[in-house]
Amino acid sequence: MNVQQRDHQTAINWIEGEIANLIQDLGKPNASAAATSSITLAYMLRAINDKEHKHYRARIDQIYANFNASFKQEAAA
């Protein structure tokens, strides 16, 4: 594995870990801050590409959409 591949794998592992933490912290203030920051930094350092950047940003948006939908369903019940 070359340096670029290792950096990419490290970035992916870091992002995945922060997304897991986000899921545990949903509903708390700034729950997505670390995940968003890790995605942005990995992208700025070119450890992830445009497609991956968009994928992870969309993933965070989907996590919040699912959370908000379930929260609204619970409030309506």
N, C-alpha and C. Protein backbone atom coordinates (compact mmCIF):
# COMPACT_ATOMS: atom_id res chain seq x y z
N MET A 1 0.86 -1.17 0.00
CA MET A 1 0.00 0.00 0.00
C MET A 1 0.90 1.23 0.00
N ASN A 2 0.66 2.15 -0.94
CA ASN A 2 1.48 3.35 -0.99
C ASN A 2 0.94 4.41 -0.02
N VAL A 3 1.64 5.51 0.09
CA VAL A 3 1.29 6.56 1.05
C VAL A 3 -0.10 7.13 0.75
N GLN A 4 -0.40 7.38 -0.50
CA GLN A 4 -1.70 7.95 -0.86
C GLN A 4 -2.84 6.98 -0.48
N GLN A 5 -2.66 5.71 -0.74
CA GLN A 5 -3.68 4.72 -0.38
C GLN A 5 -3.84 4.63 1.13
N ARG A 6 -2.73 4.69 1.85
CA ARG A 6 -2.78 4.64 3.31
C ARG A 6 -3.49 5.87 3.87
N ASP A 7 -3.18 7.05 3.32
CA ASP A 7 -3.85 8.28 3.75
C ASP A 7 -5.34 8.21 3.48
N HIS A 8 -5.70 7.65 2.31
CA HIS A 8 -7.11 7.51 1.97
C HIS A 8 -7.81 6.59 2.96
N GLN A 9 -7.21 5.45 3.24
CA GLN A 9 -7.82 4.49 4.17
C GLN A 9 -7.93 5.08 5.57
N THR A 10 -6.92 5.81 5.99
CA THR A 10 -6.95 6.47 7.30
C THR A 10 -8.10 7.47 7.35
N ALA A 11 -8.25 8.27 6.29
CA ALA A 11 -9.33 9.26 6.24
C ALA A 11 -10.69 8.59 6.28
N ILE A 12 -10.86 7.52 5.52
CA ILE A 12 -12.14 6.81 5.50
C ILE A 12 -12.46 6.24 6.88
N ASN A 13 -11.48 5.64 7.53
CA ASN A 13 -11.70 5.09 8.87
C ASN A 13 -12.06 6.19 9.86
N TRP A 14 -11.41 7.32 9.75
CA TRP A 14 -11.69 8.46 10.63
C TRP A 14 -13.11 8.96 10.40
N ILE A 15 -13.48 9.15 9.16
CA ILE A 15 -14.83 9.64 8.83
C ILE A 15 -15.88 8.65 9.31
N GLU A 16 -15.68 7.37 9.04
CA GLU A 16 -16.64 6.35 9.48
C GLU A 16 -16.80 6.37 11.00
N GLY A 17 -15.70 6.54 11.72
CA GLY A 17 -15.77 6.62 13.18
C GLY A 17 -16.54 7.83 13.65
N GLU A 18 -16.32 8.96 13.01
CA GLU A 18 -17.04 10.18 13.39
C GLU A 18 -18.52 10.08 13.04
N ILE A 19 -18.85 9.41 11.95
CA ILE A 19 -20.26 9.21 11.61
C ILE A 19 -20.92 8.29 12.64
N ALA A 20 -20.21 7.28 13.09
CA ALA A 20 -20.74 6.40 14.15
C ALA A 20 -20.99 7.20 15.43
N ASN A 21 -20.08 8.10 15.76
CA ASN A 21 -20.27 8.96 16.94
C ASN A 21 -21.46 9.89 16.74
N LEU A 22 -21.61 10.40 15.53
CA LEU A 22 -22.75 11.26 15.21
C LEU A 22 -24.06 10.52 15.46
N ILE A 23 -24.15 9.30 15.00
CA ILE A 23 -25.38 8.51 15.17
C ILE A 23 -25.68 8.33 16.66
N GLN A 24 -24.66 8.11 17.47
CA GLN A 24 -24.87 7.97 18.92
C GLN A 24 -25.30 9.28 19.57
N ASP A 25 -24.86 10.41 19.00
CA ASP A 25 -25.11 11.71 19.61
C ASP A 25 -26.27 12.48 18.97
N LEU A 26 -27.03 11.84 18.10
CA LEU A 26 -28.13 12.54 17.44
C LEU A 26 -29.05 13.18 18.47
N GLY A 27 -29.45 14.39 18.20
CA GLY A 27 -30.31 15.13 19.11
C GLY A 27 -29.56 16.05 20.04
N LYS A 28 -28.26 15.85 20.15
CA LYS A 28 -27.45 16.73 20.99
C LYS A 28 -26.95 17.91 20.15
N PRO A 29 -26.69 19.05 20.80
CA PRO A 29 -26.15 20.19 20.04
C PRO A 29 -24.82 19.84 19.36
N ASN A 30 -24.66 20.29 18.15
CA ASN A 30 -23.43 20.12 17.38
C ASN A 30 -23.03 18.66 17.19
N ALA A 31 -24.00 17.77 17.12
CA ALA A 31 -23.71 16.34 16.99
C ALA A 31 -22.92 16.03 15.72
N SER A 32 -23.15 16.78 14.68
CA SER A 32 -22.48 16.48 13.41
C SER A 32 -21.18 17.24 13.21
N ALA A 33 -20.77 18.04 14.17
CA ALA A 33 -19.59 18.89 13.99
C ALA A 33 -18.33 18.10 13.67
N ALA A 34 -18.05 17.08 14.42
CA ALA A 34 -16.82 16.31 14.20
C ALA A 34 -16.87 15.56 12.88
N ALA A 35 -18.02 14.98 12.56
CA ALA A 35 -18.14 14.25 11.29
C ALA A 35 -17.98 15.20 10.11
N THR A 36 -18.63 16.34 10.18
CA THR A 36 -18.53 17.32 9.11
C THR A 36 -17.11 17.83 8.97
N SER A 37 -16.47 18.09 10.08
CA SER A 37 -15.08 18.58 10.06
C SER A 37 -14.13 17.54 9.48
N SER A 38 -14.33 16.28 9.84
CA SER A 38 -13.44 15.24 9.32
C SER A 38 -13.60 15.08 7.81
N ILE A 39 -14.82 15.17 7.34
CA ILE A 39 -15.07 15.08 5.89
C ILE A 39 -14.43 16.27 5.17
N THR A 40 -14.63 17.46 5.70
CA THR A 40 -14.08 18.65 5.08
C THR A 40 -12.55 18.63 5.07
N LEU A 41 -11.96 18.27 6.18
CA LEU A 41 -10.50 18.24 6.26
C LEU A 41 -9.92 17.17 5.34
N ALA A 42 -10.51 15.99 5.33
CA ALA A 42 -10.03 14.93 4.44
C ALA A 42 -10.11 15.37 2.98
N TYR A 43 -11.17 16.09 2.65
CA TYR A 43 -11.33 16.59 1.29
C TYR A 43 -10.29 17.67 0.97
N MET A 44 -10.09 18.58 1.91
CA MET A 44 -9.12 19.66 1.69
C MET A 44 -7.70 19.11 1.56
N LEU A 45 -7.41 18.05 2.27
CA LEU A 45 -6.09 17.42 2.20
C LEU A 45 -5.98 16.45 1.03
N ARG A 46 -7.05 16.34 0.27
CA ARG A 46 -7.13 15.47 -0.92
C ARG A 46 -6.95 13.99 -0.58
N ALA A 47 -7.37 13.63 0.62
CA ALA A 47 -7.36 12.23 1.01
C ALA A 47 -8.61 11.52 0.48
N ILE A 48 -9.68 12.31 0.23
CA ILE A 48 -10.88 11.79 -0.42
C ILE A 48 -11.17 12.66 -1.63
N ASN A 49 -11.86 12.09 -2.61
CA ASN A 49 -12.15 12.84 -3.84
C ASN A 49 -13.52 13.50 -3.78
N ASP A 50 -13.89 14.19 -4.85
CA ASP A 50 -15.17 14.91 -4.91
C ASP A 50 -16.35 13.98 -4.68
N LYS A 51 -16.31 12.83 -5.34
CA LYS A 51 -17.42 11.88 -5.23
C LYS A 51 -17.59 11.40 -3.79
N GLU A 52 -16.49 11.08 -3.13
CA GLU A 52 -16.55 10.62 -1.74
C GLU A 52 -17.02 11.75 -0.83
N HIS A 53 -16.54 12.95 -1.09
CA HIS A 53 -16.96 14.10 -0.29
C HIS A 53 -18.47 14.28 -0.37
N LYS A 54 -19.01 14.24 -1.57
CA LYS A 54 -20.46 14.38 -1.76
C LYS A 54 -21.21 13.21 -1.11
N HIS A 55 -20.66 12.02 -1.23
CA HIS A 55 -21.29 10.83 -0.64
C HIS A 55 -21.41 10.99 0.89
N TYR A 56 -20.34 11.37 1.53
CA TYR A 56 -20.38 11.49 2.99
C TYR A 56 -21.25 12.65 3.45
N ARG A 57 -21.24 13.74 2.72
CA ARG A 57 -22.12 14.86 3.07
C ARG A 57 -23.58 14.44 2.93
N ALA A 58 -23.89 13.72 1.86
CA ALA A 58 -25.26 13.23 1.66
C ALA A 58 -25.63 12.22 2.75
N ARG A 59 -24.67 11.44 3.17
CA ARG A 59 -24.93 10.46 4.23
C ARG A 59 -25.33 11.15 5.54
N ILE A 60 -24.63 12.22 5.87
CA ILE A 60 -24.99 12.98 7.08
C ILE A 60 -26.38 13.59 6.91
N ASP A 61 -26.66 14.15 5.75
CA ASP A 61 -27.99 14.72 5.49
C ASP A 61 -29.06 13.65 5.64
N GLN A 62 -28.80 12.44 5.15
CA GLN A 62 -29.78 11.34 5.24
C GLN A 62 -29.96 10.89 6.68
N ILE A 63 -28.90 10.86 7.45
CA ILE A 63 -29.01 10.49 8.87
C ILE A 63 -29.93 11.47 9.58
N TYR A 64 -29.74 12.77 9.32
CA TYR A 64 -30.60 13.77 9.95
C TYR A 64 -32.02 13.72 9.42
N ALA A 65 -32.20 13.45 8.14
CA ALA A 65 -33.54 13.34 7.58
C ALA A 65 -34.30 12.19 8.24
N ASN A 66 -33.63 11.05 8.40
CA ASN A 66 -34.26 9.90 9.07
C ASN A 66 -34.56 10.21 10.52
N PHE A 67 -33.65 10.86 11.20
CA PHE A 67 -33.85 11.22 12.60
C PHE A 67 -35.04 12.17 12.74
N ASN A 68 -35.08 13.20 11.90
CA ASN A 68 -36.17 14.17 11.98
C ASN A 68 -37.51 13.54 11.64
N ALA A 69 -37.53 12.64 10.67
CA ALA A 69 -38.77 11.96 10.31
C ALA A 69 -39.28 11.09 11.46
N SER A 70 -38.37 10.36 12.10
CA SER A 70 -38.80 9.51 13.23
C SER A 70 -39.22 10.36 14.42
N PHE A 71 -38.55 11.48 14.60
CA PHE A 71 -38.90 12.38 15.70
C PHE A 71 -40.29 12.96 15.49
N LYS A 72 -40.61 13.34 14.24
CA LYS A 72 -41.93 13.88 13.92
C LYS A 72 -43.01 12.81 14.08
N GLN A 73 -42.70 11.56 13.72
CA GLN A 73 -43.66 10.48 13.86
C GLN A 73 -43.95 10.21 15.34
N GLU A 74 -42.92 10.26 16.15
CA GLU A 74 -43.12 10.04 17.59
C GLU A 74 -43.94 11.17 18.19
N ALA A 75 -43.71 12.40 17.74
CA ALA A 75 -44.45 13.54 18.27
C ALA A 75 -45.91 13.49 17.86
N ALA A 76 -46.18 12.95 16.68
CA ALA A 76 -47.54 12.86 16.19
C ALA A 76 -48.33 11.74 16.85
N ALA A 77 -47.63 10.76 17.39
CA ALA A 77 -48.31 9.59 17.99
C ALA A 77 -48.88 9.88 19.35
